[in-house]
Amino acid sequence: MSSSVLLMSMSLDGYIAGPNDVPGNPGGDGFMRLHDWYQQGDGSFGRPVGPAGAIWDELHDTGAVFVGRRTAEQVDYYGGTHHGVPLFVLTRRAPDALFPQVRFVHDVAEGMAEAKAAAGDRDVLVHGASAARAALVAGVLDELQIDQVPVLLGAGRRLFDVLPERIELEIARVIDTPAATHLRYRVVR
């Protein structure tokens, strides 16, 4: 059975995007600092060497992506597919269909159920702060993979600004590297 897994790089002070996170500047100023943990020696981005490579492999082995509309729009819907799997975009109003593999969903629980069905026995990758919060509050986010980067951004967009109640997590895995501490949590239900 598939799980829904948020994958998010985050600064120590809780930011997942820098200041000025607007269309045309996705992720805001300084955003790529949060992703240095998978930067290659030549400056390109790819599978990290060492134990963090497992996280890259898990990301690319998911069977569907569940994402918020704001995030999807900022990355032009990943060109219609994220590593060859269908996208489920959580939105209040759907734009005209852009790509055949993009499905717009209005209800977070129903949309996640559709994404899990499409993923089969593979996990669903969750992207975007608003989609992650909505899925967490609705009880349909199963795990959080937080790649904690040793930097204090001081401003930007936080992952969990406000939640309606406390949500308990249990640590599933910790991978410590010089570039980031990779924390995997399961949501306690």
Foldseek 3Di string as FASTA:
>chain_A
DAAEEEEAQAEPVFARAAPPCDQVQHRYPPNCLSVPQQADPVRHGDQHPDDSSVVRVLVLLFAEEEEEPRNCVSCVNVQQDDNPHAYEYADCDDDPDDHPRYHYDDQLVVSLVVRCVRRPHRYYYYDDLVSVLNCVLVVRHFKYWYWYFHDDNPDDHGNPPDHPDDWDWDWDDWDDDPGTIITMITTDD
